[in-house]
């Protein structure tokens, strides 16, 4: 039996890792992620929840090492509870993102973590913060956007379609789509199963046309008798 080449990609496919995103609209924030966790070339978990609750109206999107990001999120969650008990008010999204940044960068030699922090607070309203790391980790698909004039339904549809398209092209992303809508009124979790993922691009040209090889159109010299 021939050996299976686990590193071989399909035509047009890329290998960039986790797909996570956060989009801010007028009244709140929509975050989303795929659900595939890989161990090398193997899928260890196909329904991972990469959206982690941090505090009342704050969530983070996790990418990189699952163990590292879960540990950091737990520490920040404890920190937010401590701040609330000490000062009798919830921490802001900005201060929480700053603590995430402190944890990630002070331990950048030991952990592999890329975080998007999003939420709503009384001081700022909706806000989104990105904490990337310049190392090789599973988080090449990260998207942040601020959409002025967009409503909640439009933003949810945008996040769902964007993640579905990223998952269709990336061999390291897949599974289901998990989303979270965060507004002043509260938090709503949304779930899109694998058999209901958008496929609006099917039958359309999404990828660039393949480049023809140089020798395919080389003129043939005329034969002189």
N, C-alpha and C. Protein backbone atom coordinates (compact mmCIF):
# COMPACT_ATOMS: atom_id res chain seq x y z
N UNK A 1 0.84 -1.20 0.00
CA UNK A 1 0.00 0.00 0.00
C UNK A 1 0.88 1.24 0.00
N UNK A 2 0.58 2.19 -0.91
CA UNK A 2 1.36 3.41 -0.99
C UNK A 2 1.15 4.27 0.25
N UNK A 3 2.19 5.01 0.60
CA UNK A 3 2.11 5.90 1.76
C UNK A 3 1.23 7.11 1.43
N UNK A 4 0.36 7.48 2.36
CA UNK A 4 -0.51 8.65 2.18
C UNK A 4 0.27 9.91 2.52
N UNK A 5 0.27 10.85 1.60
CA UNK A 5 0.96 12.12 1.82
C UNK A 5 0.05 13.05 2.60
N UNK A 6 0.28 13.16 3.92
CA UNK A 6 -0.58 13.97 4.77
C UNK A 6 -0.39 15.47 4.54
N UNK A 7 0.73 15.84 3.91
CA UNK A 7 1.01 17.26 3.69
C UNK A 7 0.45 17.77 2.36
N UNK A 8 -0.15 16.88 1.57
CA UNK A 8 -0.65 17.28 0.27
C UNK A 8 -1.95 18.05 0.42
N UNK A 9 -2.06 19.19 -0.28
CA UNK A 9 -3.26 20.02 -0.24
C UNK A 9 -4.01 19.89 -1.55
N UNK A 10 -5.31 20.12 -1.50
CA UNK A 10 -6.12 20.15 -2.71
C UNK A 10 -5.79 21.40 -3.51
N UNK A 11 -6.22 21.40 -4.77
CA UNK A 11 -6.00 22.56 -5.62
C UNK A 11 -6.71 23.78 -5.04
N UNK A 12 -5.96 24.87 -4.82
CA UNK A 12 -6.54 26.08 -4.26
C UNK A 12 -6.67 26.10 -2.76
N UNK A 13 -6.32 24.99 -2.10
CA UNK A 13 -6.46 24.92 -0.64
C UNK A 13 -5.23 25.50 0.03
N UNK A 14 -5.44 26.09 1.19
CA UNK A 14 -4.33 26.63 1.98
C UNK A 14 -4.33 25.98 3.36
N UNK A 15 -3.25 26.18 4.09
CA UNK A 15 -3.13 25.60 5.42
C UNK A 15 -2.69 26.71 6.38
N UNK A 16 -3.65 27.45 6.88
CA UNK A 16 -3.37 28.62 7.71
C UNK A 16 -3.85 28.47 9.14
N UNK A 17 -4.59 27.44 9.46
CA UNK A 17 -4.97 27.21 10.84
C UNK A 17 -6.34 27.75 11.21
N UNK A 18 -6.49 28.08 12.48
CA UNK A 18 -7.76 28.53 13.04
C UNK A 18 -8.33 29.74 12.31
N UNK A 19 -9.64 29.75 12.13
CA UNK A 19 -10.34 30.91 11.57
C UNK A 19 -11.17 31.56 12.68
N UNK A 20 -10.78 32.76 13.08
CA UNK A 20 -11.51 33.50 14.11
C UNK A 20 -11.74 34.92 13.62
N UNK A 21 -12.81 35.55 14.08
CA UNK A 21 -13.08 36.92 13.67
C UNK A 21 -13.99 37.62 14.67
N UNK A 22 -13.93 38.94 14.66
CA UNK A 22 -14.79 39.77 15.50
C UNK A 22 -15.16 41.01 14.71
N UNK A 23 -16.44 41.33 14.70
CA UNK A 23 -16.94 42.47 13.93
C UNK A 23 -17.78 43.35 14.84
N UNK A 24 -17.45 44.63 14.88
CA UNK A 24 -18.19 45.58 15.69
C UNK A 24 -19.23 46.29 14.83
N UNK A 25 -20.47 46.32 15.30
CA UNK A 25 -21.52 47.06 14.61
C UNK A 25 -22.06 48.12 15.55
N UNK A 26 -23.16 48.77 15.16
CA UNK A 26 -23.63 49.95 15.89
C UNK A 26 -23.90 49.68 17.38
N UNK A 27 -24.58 48.57 17.68
CA UNK A 27 -25.02 48.34 19.06
C UNK A 27 -24.19 47.31 19.81
N UNK A 28 -23.29 46.63 19.13
CA UNK A 28 -22.56 45.58 19.82
C UNK A 28 -21.46 44.97 18.96
N UNK A 29 -21.16 43.71 19.27
CA UNK A 29 -20.07 43.00 18.62
C UNK A 29 -20.55 41.59 18.29
N UNK A 30 -20.14 41.07 17.14
CA UNK A 30 -20.36 39.67 16.78
C UNK A 30 -19.00 39.01 16.62
N UNK A 31 -18.77 37.93 17.35
CA UNK A 31 -17.54 37.16 17.21
C UNK A 31 -17.89 35.78 16.69
N UNK A 32 -16.92 35.15 16.05
CA UNK A 32 -17.17 33.82 15.50
C UNK A 32 -15.88 33.05 15.30
N UNK A 33 -16.02 31.73 15.17
CA UNK A 33 -14.85 30.87 14.98
C UNK A 33 -15.29 29.54 14.40
N UNK A 34 -14.34 28.88 13.77
CA UNK A 34 -14.57 27.49 13.35
C UNK A 34 -14.40 26.60 14.58
N UNK A 35 -14.43 25.28 14.38
CA UNK A 35 -14.40 24.40 15.56
C UNK A 35 -13.39 23.25 15.43
N UNK A 36 -12.44 23.36 14.52
CA UNK A 36 -11.50 22.26 14.30
C UNK A 36 -10.23 22.45 15.12
N UNK A 37 -9.86 21.44 15.88
CA UNK A 37 -8.60 21.40 16.61
C UNK A 37 -7.75 20.27 16.06
N UNK A 38 -6.54 20.59 15.63
CA UNK A 38 -5.68 19.58 15.01
C UNK A 38 -4.47 19.27 15.88
N UNK A 39 -4.01 18.04 15.73
CA UNK A 39 -2.75 17.61 16.34
C UNK A 39 -1.88 17.13 15.20
N UNK A 40 -1.04 18.02 14.70
CA UNK A 40 -0.30 17.69 13.49
C UNK A 40 -1.26 17.62 12.31
N UNK A 41 -1.28 16.46 11.64
CA UNK A 41 -2.16 16.28 10.49
C UNK A 41 -3.50 15.64 10.87
N UNK A 42 -3.71 15.38 12.14
CA UNK A 42 -4.92 14.70 12.59
C UNK A 42 -5.88 15.68 13.28
N UNK A 43 -7.17 15.46 13.09
CA UNK A 43 -8.19 16.28 13.73
C UNK A 43 -8.48 15.69 15.10
N UNK A 44 -8.06 16.38 16.15
CA UNK A 44 -8.25 15.89 17.51
C UNK A 44 -9.66 16.15 18.02
N UNK A 45 -10.25 17.26 17.61
CA UNK A 45 -11.61 17.61 18.03
C UNK A 45 -12.25 18.42 16.91
N UNK A 46 -13.39 18.00 16.44
CA UNK A 46 -14.02 18.70 15.32
C UNK A 46 -15.13 19.66 15.77
N UNK A 47 -15.42 19.72 17.07
CA UNK A 47 -16.47 20.61 17.57
C UNK A 47 -15.97 21.43 18.77
N UNK A 48 -14.74 21.89 18.71
CA UNK A 48 -14.17 22.70 19.79
C UNK A 48 -14.90 24.04 19.90
N UNK A 49 -15.05 24.53 21.13
CA UNK A 49 -15.61 25.86 21.35
C UNK A 49 -14.45 26.82 21.58
N UNK A 50 -14.14 27.65 20.59
CA UNK A 50 -13.02 28.58 20.67
C UNK A 50 -13.44 29.96 21.15
N UNK A 51 -14.71 30.11 21.49
CA UNK A 51 -15.22 31.36 22.05
C UNK A 51 -15.38 31.17 23.55
N UNK A 52 -14.56 31.85 24.33
CA UNK A 52 -14.51 31.62 25.78
C UNK A 52 -15.04 32.84 26.53
N UNK A 53 -15.95 32.57 27.47
CA UNK A 53 -16.52 33.63 28.29
C UNK A 53 -15.48 34.13 29.28
N UNK A 54 -15.28 35.45 29.33
CA UNK A 54 -14.28 36.05 30.22
C UNK A 54 -14.95 36.76 31.39
N UNK A 55 -15.98 37.57 31.09
CA UNK A 55 -16.74 38.25 32.13
C UNK A 55 -18.14 38.53 31.60
N UNK A 56 -18.92 39.33 32.32
CA UNK A 56 -20.34 39.51 32.01
C UNK A 56 -20.63 39.64 30.52
N UNK A 57 -20.08 40.68 29.91
CA UNK A 57 -20.32 40.92 28.48
C UNK A 57 -19.00 40.97 27.72
N UNK A 58 -18.12 40.04 28.05
CA UNK A 58 -16.83 39.95 27.39
C UNK A 58 -16.50 38.50 27.04
N UNK A 59 -16.06 38.33 25.80
CA UNK A 59 -15.62 37.02 25.33
C UNK A 59 -14.27 37.17 24.65
N UNK A 60 -13.58 36.05 24.49
CA UNK A 60 -12.35 36.06 23.70
C UNK A 60 -12.40 34.93 22.68
N UNK A 61 -11.78 35.16 21.53
CA UNK A 61 -11.59 34.12 20.51
C UNK A 61 -10.17 33.59 20.68
N UNK A 62 -10.04 32.29 20.81
CA UNK A 62 -8.74 31.69 21.10
C UNK A 62 -8.15 31.02 19.86
N UNK A 63 -6.84 31.22 19.67
CA UNK A 63 -6.13 30.51 18.60
C UNK A 63 -4.72 30.23 19.07
N UNK A 64 -4.13 29.19 18.53
CA UNK A 64 -2.81 28.77 18.96
C UNK A 64 -2.90 27.44 19.70
N UNK A 65 -2.11 27.28 20.73
CA UNK A 65 -2.17 26.08 21.55
C UNK A 65 -3.43 26.10 22.41
N UNK A 66 -4.25 25.06 22.31
CA UNK A 66 -5.50 25.01 23.07
C UNK A 66 -5.24 25.06 24.57
N UNK A 67 -4.22 24.32 25.03
CA UNK A 67 -3.92 24.30 26.46
C UNK A 67 -3.47 25.67 26.95
N UNK A 68 -2.61 26.33 26.16
CA UNK A 68 -2.10 27.65 26.57
C UNK A 68 -3.22 28.68 26.62
N UNK A 69 -4.03 28.74 25.58
CA UNK A 69 -5.08 29.76 25.53
C UNK A 69 -6.17 29.52 26.58
N UNK A 70 -6.48 28.26 26.86
CA UNK A 70 -7.45 27.97 27.92
C UNK A 70 -6.92 28.40 29.28
N UNK A 71 -5.63 28.15 29.53
CA UNK A 71 -5.03 28.55 30.80
C UNK A 71 -5.02 30.08 30.95
N UNK A 72 -4.66 30.79 29.88
CA UNK A 72 -4.63 32.25 29.94
C UNK A 72 -6.03 32.80 30.15
N UNK A 73 -7.02 32.25 29.44
CA UNK A 73 -8.40 32.72 29.59
C UNK A 73 -8.90 32.49 31.01
N UNK A 74 -8.53 31.37 31.62
CA UNK A 74 -8.93 31.10 33.00
C UNK A 74 -8.32 32.11 33.97
N UNK A 75 -7.05 32.45 33.75
CA UNK A 75 -6.38 33.42 34.62
C UNK A 75 -7.03 34.80 34.50
N UNK A 76 -7.33 35.21 33.26
CA UNK A 76 -7.96 36.52 33.04
C UNK A 76 -9.37 36.53 33.62
N UNK A 77 -10.10 35.42 33.50
CA UNK A 77 -11.44 35.32 34.09
C UNK A 77 -11.37 35.51 35.60
N UNK A 78 -10.40 34.87 36.25
CA UNK A 78 -10.21 35.03 37.69
C UNK A 78 -9.87 36.49 38.02
N UNK A 79 -9.00 37.10 37.22
CA UNK A 79 -8.61 38.49 37.43
C UNK A 79 -9.82 39.42 37.35
N UNK A 80 -10.70 39.19 36.37
CA UNK A 80 -11.89 40.04 36.22
C UNK A 80 -12.83 39.89 37.42
N UNK A 81 -12.98 38.67 37.93
CA UNK A 81 -13.80 38.47 39.11
C UNK A 81 -13.21 39.19 40.32
N UNK A 82 -11.89 39.17 40.44
CA UNK A 82 -11.21 39.83 41.55
C UNK A 82 -11.40 41.35 41.47
N UNK A 83 -11.29 41.89 40.27
CA UNK A 83 -11.48 43.33 40.08
C UNK A 83 -12.91 43.73 40.44
N UNK A 84 -13.87 42.92 40.03
CA UNK A 84 -15.28 43.22 40.32
C UNK A 84 -15.55 43.21 41.82
N UNK A 85 -15.00 42.23 42.52
CA UNK A 85 -15.20 42.15 43.96
C UNK A 85 -14.49 43.29 44.70
N UNK A 86 -13.35 43.71 44.18
CA UNK A 86 -12.56 44.75 44.87
C UNK A 86 -13.15 46.14 44.66
N UNK A 87 -13.53 46.44 43.42
CA UNK A 87 -13.96 47.80 43.08
C UNK A 87 -15.48 47.92 42.89
N UNK A 88 -16.19 46.81 43.04
CA UNK A 88 -17.65 46.80 42.95
C UNK A 88 -18.15 47.32 41.60
N UNK A 89 -17.39 47.08 40.57
CA UNK A 89 -17.81 47.40 39.20
C UNK A 89 -17.06 46.50 38.24
N UNK A 90 -17.65 46.24 37.10
CA UNK A 90 -17.04 45.35 36.12
C UNK A 90 -15.87 46.02 35.42
N UNK A 91 -14.82 45.27 35.09
CA UNK A 91 -13.70 45.85 34.34
C UNK A 91 -14.13 46.19 32.91
N UNK A 92 -13.44 47.12 32.29
CA UNK A 92 -13.73 47.48 30.91
C UNK A 92 -13.11 46.46 29.96
N UNK A 93 -13.57 46.48 28.72
CA UNK A 93 -13.00 45.59 27.70
C UNK A 93 -11.53 45.96 27.46
N UNK A 94 -11.23 47.26 27.47
CA UNK A 94 -9.86 47.71 27.23
C UNK A 94 -8.91 47.21 28.31
N UNK A 95 -9.30 47.31 29.58
CA UNK A 95 -8.43 46.85 30.66
C UNK A 95 -8.26 45.33 30.63
N UNK A 96 -9.32 44.63 30.27
CA UNK A 96 -9.23 43.17 30.17
C UNK A 96 -8.30 42.77 29.04
N UNK A 97 -8.41 43.46 27.89
CA UNK A 97 -7.51 43.18 26.78
C UNK A 97 -6.07 43.48 27.14
N UNK A 98 -5.86 44.54 27.94
CA UNK A 98 -4.50 44.87 28.38
C UNK A 98 -3.92 43.77 29.25
N UNK A 99 -4.77 43.16 30.09
CA UNK A 99 -4.28 42.06 30.94
C UNK A 99 -3.98 40.82 30.09
N UNK A 100 -4.83 40.56 29.08
CA UNK A 100 -4.54 39.47 28.14
C UNK A 100 -3.18 39.70 27.48
N UNK A 101 -2.97 40.94 27.03
CA UNK A 101 -1.71 41.28 26.36
C UNK A 101 -0.52 41.06 27.29
N UNK A 102 -0.66 41.47 28.54
CA UNK A 102 0.41 41.29 29.53
C UNK A 102 0.72 39.80 29.71
N UNK A 103 -0.31 38.98 29.84
CA UNK A 103 -0.10 37.54 30.03
C UNK A 103 0.56 36.90 28.82
N UNK A 104 0.13 37.30 27.61
CA UNK A 104 0.66 36.69 26.39
C UNK A 104 2.10 37.09 26.13
N UNK A 105 2.41 38.38 26.24
CA UNK A 105 3.73 38.85 25.86
C UNK A 105 4.78 38.60 26.93
N UNK A 106 4.40 38.59 28.20
CA UNK A 106 5.39 38.28 29.23
C UNK A 106 5.77 36.80 29.23
N UNK A 107 4.92 35.99 28.61
CA UNK A 107 5.21 34.55 28.55
C UNK A 107 5.33 34.07 27.10
N UNK A 108 5.72 34.96 26.19
CA UNK A 108 5.73 34.62 24.77
C UNK A 108 6.73 33.52 24.42
N UNK A 109 7.73 33.31 25.25
CA UNK A 109 8.70 32.24 24.99
C UNK A 109 8.18 30.88 25.44
N UNK A 110 7.12 30.88 26.26
CA UNK A 110 6.60 29.61 26.78
C UNK A 110 5.23 29.24 26.22
N UNK A 111 4.48 30.21 25.70
CA UNK A 111 3.12 29.92 25.25
C UNK A 111 2.97 30.26 23.78
N UNK A 112 1.98 29.64 23.17
CA UNK A 112 1.61 29.92 21.78
C UNK A 112 0.15 30.34 21.79
N UNK A 113 -0.09 31.64 21.71
CA UNK A 113 -1.46 32.13 21.88
C UNK A 113 -1.69 33.39 21.08
N UNK A 114 -2.81 33.43 20.38
CA UNK A 114 -3.28 34.63 19.72
C UNK A 114 -4.73 34.84 20.13
N UNK A 115 -5.06 36.02 20.60
CA UNK A 115 -6.36 36.27 21.23
C UNK A 115 -7.05 37.47 20.58
N UNK A 116 -8.35 37.35 20.36
CA UNK A 116 -9.20 38.51 20.05
C UNK A 116 -10.14 38.69 21.22
N UNK A 117 -10.12 39.89 21.82
CA UNK A 117 -10.99 40.21 22.95
C UNK A 117 -12.09 41.15 22.47
N UNK A 118 -13.33 40.83 22.77
CA UNK A 118 -14.46 41.65 22.32
C UNK A 118 -15.52 41.68 23.40
N UNK A 119 -16.28 42.78 23.43
CA UNK A 119 -17.34 42.87 24.42
C UNK A 119 -17.98 44.24 24.45
N UNK A 120 -18.78 44.45 25.47
CA UNK A 120 -19.49 45.72 25.67
C UNK A 120 -19.31 46.16 27.12
N UNK A 121 -19.01 47.45 27.32
CA UNK A 121 -18.95 47.99 28.68
C UNK A 121 -19.58 49.38 28.71
N UNK A 122 -19.86 49.88 29.93
CA UNK A 122 -20.57 51.14 30.09
C UNK A 122 -19.76 52.34 29.61
N UNK A 123 -18.45 52.27 29.70
CA UNK A 123 -17.62 53.41 29.35
C UNK A 123 -17.46 53.60 27.85
N UNK A 124 -17.24 52.51 27.14
CA UNK A 124 -16.92 52.59 25.71
C UNK A 124 -18.04 52.10 24.81
N UNK A 125 -18.86 51.21 25.32
CA UNK A 125 -19.83 50.53 24.47
C UNK A 125 -19.18 49.31 23.85
N UNK A 126 -19.51 48.97 22.61
CA UNK A 126 -18.87 47.81 21.97
C UNK A 126 -17.44 48.12 21.55
N UNK A 127 -16.55 47.16 21.70
CA UNK A 127 -15.16 47.34 21.29
C UNK A 127 -14.51 45.99 21.05
N UNK A 128 -13.45 46.01 20.23
CA UNK A 128 -12.73 44.79 19.83
C UNK A 128 -11.24 45.07 19.92
N UNK A 129 -10.47 44.11 20.45
CA UNK A 129 -9.02 44.24 20.56
C UNK A 129 -8.35 42.95 20.09
N UNK A 130 -7.24 43.11 19.37
CA UNK A 130 -6.51 41.95 18.85
C UNK A 130 -5.15 41.85 19.54
N UNK A 131 -4.78 40.62 19.95
CA UNK A 131 -3.48 40.39 20.59
C UNK A 131 -2.78 39.29 19.81
N UNK A 132 -2.05 39.66 18.75
CA UNK A 132 -1.35 38.65 17.94
C UNK A 132 0.03 38.37 18.50
N UNK A 133 0.62 37.28 18.04
CA UNK A 133 2.00 36.97 18.37
C UNK A 133 2.75 36.70 17.08
N UNK A 134 3.98 37.25 16.97
CA UNK A 134 4.77 37.07 15.76
C UNK A 134 5.55 35.76 15.83
N UNK A 135 4.82 34.67 15.99
CA UNK A 135 5.44 33.35 16.00
C UNK A 135 4.57 32.43 15.16
N UNK A 136 5.07 31.21 14.93
CA UNK A 136 4.34 30.26 14.10
C UNK A 136 3.30 29.55 14.95
N UNK A 137 2.06 30.00 14.86
CA UNK A 137 1.00 29.34 15.61
C UNK A 137 -0.25 29.25 14.75
N UNK A 138 -1.21 28.47 15.22
CA UNK A 138 -2.41 28.22 14.43
C UNK A 138 -3.38 29.39 14.55
N UNK A 139 -3.12 30.45 13.81
CA UNK A 139 -4.01 31.61 13.89
C UNK A 139 -3.81 32.56 12.73
N UNK A 140 -3.59 32.01 11.56
CA UNK A 140 -3.35 32.89 10.43
C UNK A 140 -4.64 33.55 9.94
N UNK A 141 -5.77 32.92 10.22
CA UNK A 141 -7.04 33.50 9.80
C UNK A 141 -7.63 34.31 10.95
N UNK A 142 -7.28 35.56 11.06
CA UNK A 142 -7.86 36.42 12.07
C UNK A 142 -8.39 37.68 11.40
N UNK A 143 -9.63 38.04 11.68
CA UNK A 143 -10.23 39.19 11.02
C UNK A 143 -10.93 40.06 12.05
N UNK A 144 -10.65 41.38 11.99
CA UNK A 144 -11.35 42.34 12.82
C UNK A 144 -11.92 43.41 11.90
N UNK A 145 -13.11 43.89 12.22
CA UNK A 145 -13.74 44.90 11.37
C UNK A 145 -14.68 45.75 12.21
N UNK A 146 -14.84 47.00 11.78
CA UNK A 146 -15.83 47.91 12.36
C UNK A 146 -16.75 48.34 11.23
N UNK A 147 -18.02 48.00 11.33
CA UNK A 147 -18.98 48.27 10.26
C UNK A 147 -19.96 49.33 10.74
N UNK A 148 -19.84 50.52 10.21
CA UNK A 148 -20.73 51.61 10.60
C UNK A 148 -22.03 51.52 9.82
N UNK A 149 -23.13 51.68 10.54
CA UNK A 149 -24.44 51.65 9.90
C UNK A 149 -25.02 50.27 9.69
N UNK A 150 -24.30 49.22 10.07
CA UNK A 150 -24.80 47.87 9.92
C UNK A 150 -25.62 47.48 11.14
N UNK A 151 -26.63 46.67 10.90
CA UNK A 151 -27.45 46.15 11.97
C UNK A 151 -26.96 44.79 12.43
N UNK A 152 -27.64 44.25 13.43
CA UNK A 152 -27.22 42.96 13.99
C UNK A 152 -27.36 41.83 12.98
N UNK A 153 -28.48 41.75 12.28
CA UNK A 153 -28.72 40.65 11.34
C UNK A 153 -27.71 40.67 10.20
N UNK A 154 -27.40 41.86 9.68
CA UNK A 154 -26.42 41.96 8.60
C UNK A 154 -25.05 41.51 9.06
N UNK A 155 -24.67 41.88 10.26
CA UNK A 155 -23.36 41.53 10.79
C UNK A 155 -23.25 40.03 11.02
N UNK A 156 -24.29 39.42 11.56
CA UNK A 156 -24.29 37.97 11.78
C UNK A 156 -24.13 37.23 10.45
N UNK A 157 -24.85 37.67 9.43
CA UNK A 157 -24.76 37.02 8.12
C UNK A 157 -23.36 37.19 7.53
N UNK A 158 -22.76 38.37 7.73
CA UNK A 158 -21.41 38.63 7.24
C UNK A 158 -20.40 37.70 7.92
N UNK A 159 -20.49 37.57 9.22
CA UNK A 159 -19.57 36.71 9.96
C UNK A 159 -19.74 35.25 9.54
N UNK A 160 -20.98 34.82 9.41
CA UNK A 160 -21.25 33.43 9.02
C UNK A 160 -20.69 33.13 7.63
N UNK A 161 -20.93 34.01 6.67
CA UNK A 161 -20.46 33.79 5.30
C UNK A 161 -18.94 33.84 5.22
N UNK A 162 -18.32 34.77 5.95
CA UNK A 162 -16.86 34.90 5.92
C UNK A 162 -16.18 33.66 6.50
N UNK A 163 -16.68 33.18 7.62
CA UNK A 163 -16.09 31.99 8.24
C UNK A 163 -16.30 30.76 7.36
N UNK A 164 -17.48 30.63 6.77
CA UNK A 164 -17.75 29.48 5.91
C UNK A 164 -16.81 29.46 4.71
N UNK A 165 -16.56 30.63 4.13
CA UNK A 165 -15.65 30.71 2.98
C UNK A 165 -14.22 30.39 3.39
N UNK A 166 -13.79 30.90 4.56
CA UNK A 166 -12.44 30.59 5.05
C UNK A 166 -12.29 29.09 5.33
N UNK A 167 -13.30 28.50 5.93
CA UNK A 167 -13.25 27.07 6.26
C UNK A 167 -13.24 26.20 5.02
N UNK A 168 -13.88 26.66 3.95
CA UNK A 168 -13.92 25.86 2.72
C UNK A 168 -12.57 25.81 2.03
N UNK A 169 -11.73 26.82 2.24
CA UNK A 169 -10.43 26.88 1.58
C UNK A 169 -9.29 26.37 2.44
N UNK A 170 -9.47 26.34 3.75
CA UNK A 170 -8.38 26.02 4.67
C UNK A 170 -8.53 24.60 5.19
N UNK A 171 -7.53 23.77 4.93
CA UNK A 171 -7.58 22.39 5.39
C UNK A 171 -7.48 22.26 6.90
N UNK A 172 -7.00 23.30 7.60
CA UNK A 172 -6.87 23.25 9.06
C UNK A 172 -8.03 23.91 9.76
N UNK A 173 -9.01 24.40 9.03
CA UNK A 173 -10.24 24.95 9.62
C UNK A 173 -11.42 24.11 9.14
N UNK A 174 -12.44 24.03 9.97
CA UNK A 174 -13.60 23.24 9.57
C UNK A 174 -14.52 22.97 10.73
N UNK A 175 -15.39 22.00 10.53
CA UNK A 175 -16.35 21.64 11.57
C UNK A 175 -17.61 22.46 11.49
N UNK A 176 -17.94 23.14 12.56
CA UNK A 176 -19.15 23.96 12.66
C UNK A 176 -18.74 25.41 12.91
N UNK A 177 -19.73 26.31 12.84
CA UNK A 177 -19.48 27.72 13.15
C UNK A 177 -20.17 28.06 14.47
N UNK A 178 -19.40 28.64 15.37
CA UNK A 178 -19.96 29.15 16.63
C UNK A 178 -19.84 30.67 16.61
N UNK A 179 -20.92 31.35 16.96
CA UNK A 179 -20.92 32.81 16.99
C UNK A 179 -21.50 33.30 18.31
N UNK A 180 -21.20 34.54 18.63
CA UNK A 180 -21.68 35.14 19.86
C UNK A 180 -21.99 36.61 19.59
N UNK A 181 -23.20 37.03 19.92
CA UNK A 181 -23.61 38.42 19.76
C UNK A 181 -23.63 39.07 21.13
N UNK A 182 -22.84 40.14 21.30
CA UNK A 182 -22.70 40.82 22.60
C UNK A 182 -23.21 42.25 22.46
N UNK A 183 -24.25 42.58 23.21
CA UNK A 183 -24.81 43.93 23.22
C UNK A 183 -25.06 44.35 24.66
N UNK A 184 -25.59 45.57 24.82
CA UNK A 184 -25.91 46.05 26.17
C UNK A 184 -26.97 45.17 26.82
N UNK A 185 -27.87 44.61 26.01
CA UNK A 185 -28.95 43.79 26.55
C UNK A 185 -28.48 42.44 27.07
N UNK A 186 -27.34 41.95 26.57
CA UNK A 186 -26.86 40.66 27.01
C UNK A 186 -26.06 39.94 25.94
N UNK A 187 -25.94 38.64 26.10
CA UNK A 187 -25.13 37.81 25.22
C UNK A 187 -26.00 36.72 24.63
N UNK A 188 -25.88 36.51 23.33
CA UNK A 188 -26.62 35.44 22.64
C UNK A 188 -25.64 34.56 21.88
N UNK A 189 -25.68 33.27 22.15
CA UNK A 189 -24.82 32.33 21.45
C UNK A 189 -25.57 31.75 20.25
N UNK A 190 -24.86 31.64 19.12
CA UNK A 190 -25.44 31.10 17.88
C UNK A 190 -24.59 29.94 17.40
N UNK A 191 -25.25 29.00 16.73
CA UNK A 191 -24.58 27.77 16.28
C UNK A 191 -25.05 27.42 14.87
N UNK A 192 -24.08 27.15 13.98
CA UNK A 192 -24.40 26.73 12.61
C UNK A 192 -23.78 25.35 12.40
N UNK A 193 -24.60 24.29 12.31
CA UNK A 193 -24.04 22.94 12.14
C UNK A 193 -23.38 22.77 10.77
N UNK A 194 -22.56 21.74 10.66
CA UNK A 194 -21.80 21.53 9.43
C UNK A 194 -22.64 21.35 8.19
N UNK A 195 -23.82 20.74 8.34
CA UNK A 195 -24.67 20.51 7.16
C UNK A 195 -25.50 21.73 6.78
N UNK A 196 -25.35 22.84 7.52
CA UNK A 196 -26.07 24.06 7.19
C UNK A 196 -25.14 25.24 6.93
N UNK A 197 -23.86 24.95 6.67
CA UNK A 197 -22.92 26.02 6.37
C UNK A 197 -23.25 26.64 5.02
N UNK A 198 -23.08 27.95 4.89
CA UNK A 198 -23.35 28.61 3.61
C UNK A 198 -22.45 28.06 2.50
N UNK A 199 -23.00 27.94 1.31
CA UNK A 199 -22.24 27.49 0.14
C UNK A 199 -22.56 28.40 -1.04
N UNK A 200 -22.63 29.71 -0.78
CA UNK A 200 -23.05 30.64 -1.81
C UNK A 200 -22.05 30.75 -2.96
N UNK A 201 -20.81 30.30 -2.72
CA UNK A 201 -19.77 30.44 -3.75
C UNK A 201 -19.74 29.24 -4.71
N UNK A 202 -20.48 28.19 -4.45
CA UNK A 202 -20.42 27.01 -5.30
C UNK A 202 -20.88 27.34 -6.71
N UNK A 203 -20.11 26.90 -7.67
CA UNK A 203 -20.43 27.17 -9.06
C UNK A 203 -19.91 28.51 -9.54
N UNK A 204 -19.27 29.29 -8.65
CA UNK A 204 -18.72 30.58 -9.03
C UNK A 204 -17.20 30.53 -8.95
N UNK A 205 -16.55 31.44 -9.64
CA UNK A 205 -15.10 31.51 -9.64
C UNK A 205 -14.65 32.28 -8.41
N UNK A 206 -14.18 31.56 -7.41
CA UNK A 206 -13.70 32.19 -6.17
C UNK A 206 -12.19 32.30 -6.18
N UNK A 207 -11.53 31.24 -6.64
CA UNK A 207 -10.07 31.23 -6.68
C UNK A 207 -9.59 31.83 -7.99
N UNK A 208 -8.38 32.31 -7.98
CA UNK A 208 -7.80 32.87 -9.20
C UNK A 208 -7.58 31.77 -10.23
N UNK A 209 -7.65 32.12 -11.48
CA UNK A 209 -7.46 31.14 -12.55
C UNK A 209 -6.03 30.61 -12.48
N UNK A 210 -5.85 29.29 -12.74
CA UNK A 210 -4.51 28.72 -12.68
C UNK A 210 -3.60 29.35 -13.72
N UNK A 211 -2.33 29.54 -13.35
CA UNK A 211 -1.35 30.12 -14.25
C UNK A 211 -0.88 29.05 -15.23
N UNK A 212 -0.92 29.38 -16.49
CA UNK A 212 -0.49 28.43 -17.50
C UNK A 212 1.03 28.31 -17.48
N UNK A 213 1.49 27.11 -17.74
CA UNK A 213 2.93 26.89 -17.76
C UNK A 213 3.54 27.56 -18.99
N UNK A 214 4.78 27.96 -18.83
CA UNK A 214 5.42 28.76 -19.88
C UNK A 214 5.53 28.00 -21.19
N UNK A 215 5.70 26.66 -21.13
CA UNK A 215 5.94 25.91 -22.36
C UNK A 215 4.67 25.57 -23.11
N UNK A 216 3.50 25.87 -22.55
CA UNK A 216 2.26 25.47 -23.20
C UNK A 216 2.00 26.26 -24.47
N UNK A 217 2.42 27.54 -24.53
CA UNK A 217 2.14 28.39 -25.68
C UNK A 217 3.42 28.81 -26.41
N UNK A 218 4.45 27.98 -26.33
CA UNK A 218 5.69 28.31 -27.03
C UNK A 218 5.51 28.10 -28.52
N UNK A 219 5.83 29.08 -29.38
CA UNK A 219 5.67 28.90 -30.83
C UNK A 219 6.53 27.76 -31.34
N UNK A 220 5.97 26.98 -32.28
CA UNK A 220 6.68 25.87 -32.87
C UNK A 220 7.40 26.37 -34.14
N UNK A 221 8.69 26.16 -34.23
CA UNK A 221 9.42 26.64 -35.41
C UNK A 221 8.91 25.97 -36.69
N UNK A 222 8.86 26.72 -37.77
CA UNK A 222 8.38 26.20 -39.05
C UNK A 222 9.46 25.33 -39.69
N UNK A 223 9.04 24.21 -40.23
CA UNK A 223 9.97 23.31 -40.88
C UNK A 223 10.24 23.78 -42.29
N UNK A 224 11.52 23.94 -42.67
CA UNK A 224 11.91 24.39 -44.00
C UNK A 224 12.46 23.18 -44.76
N UNK A 225 11.83 22.87 -45.88
CA UNK A 225 12.28 21.71 -46.65
C UNK A 225 13.39 22.12 -47.63
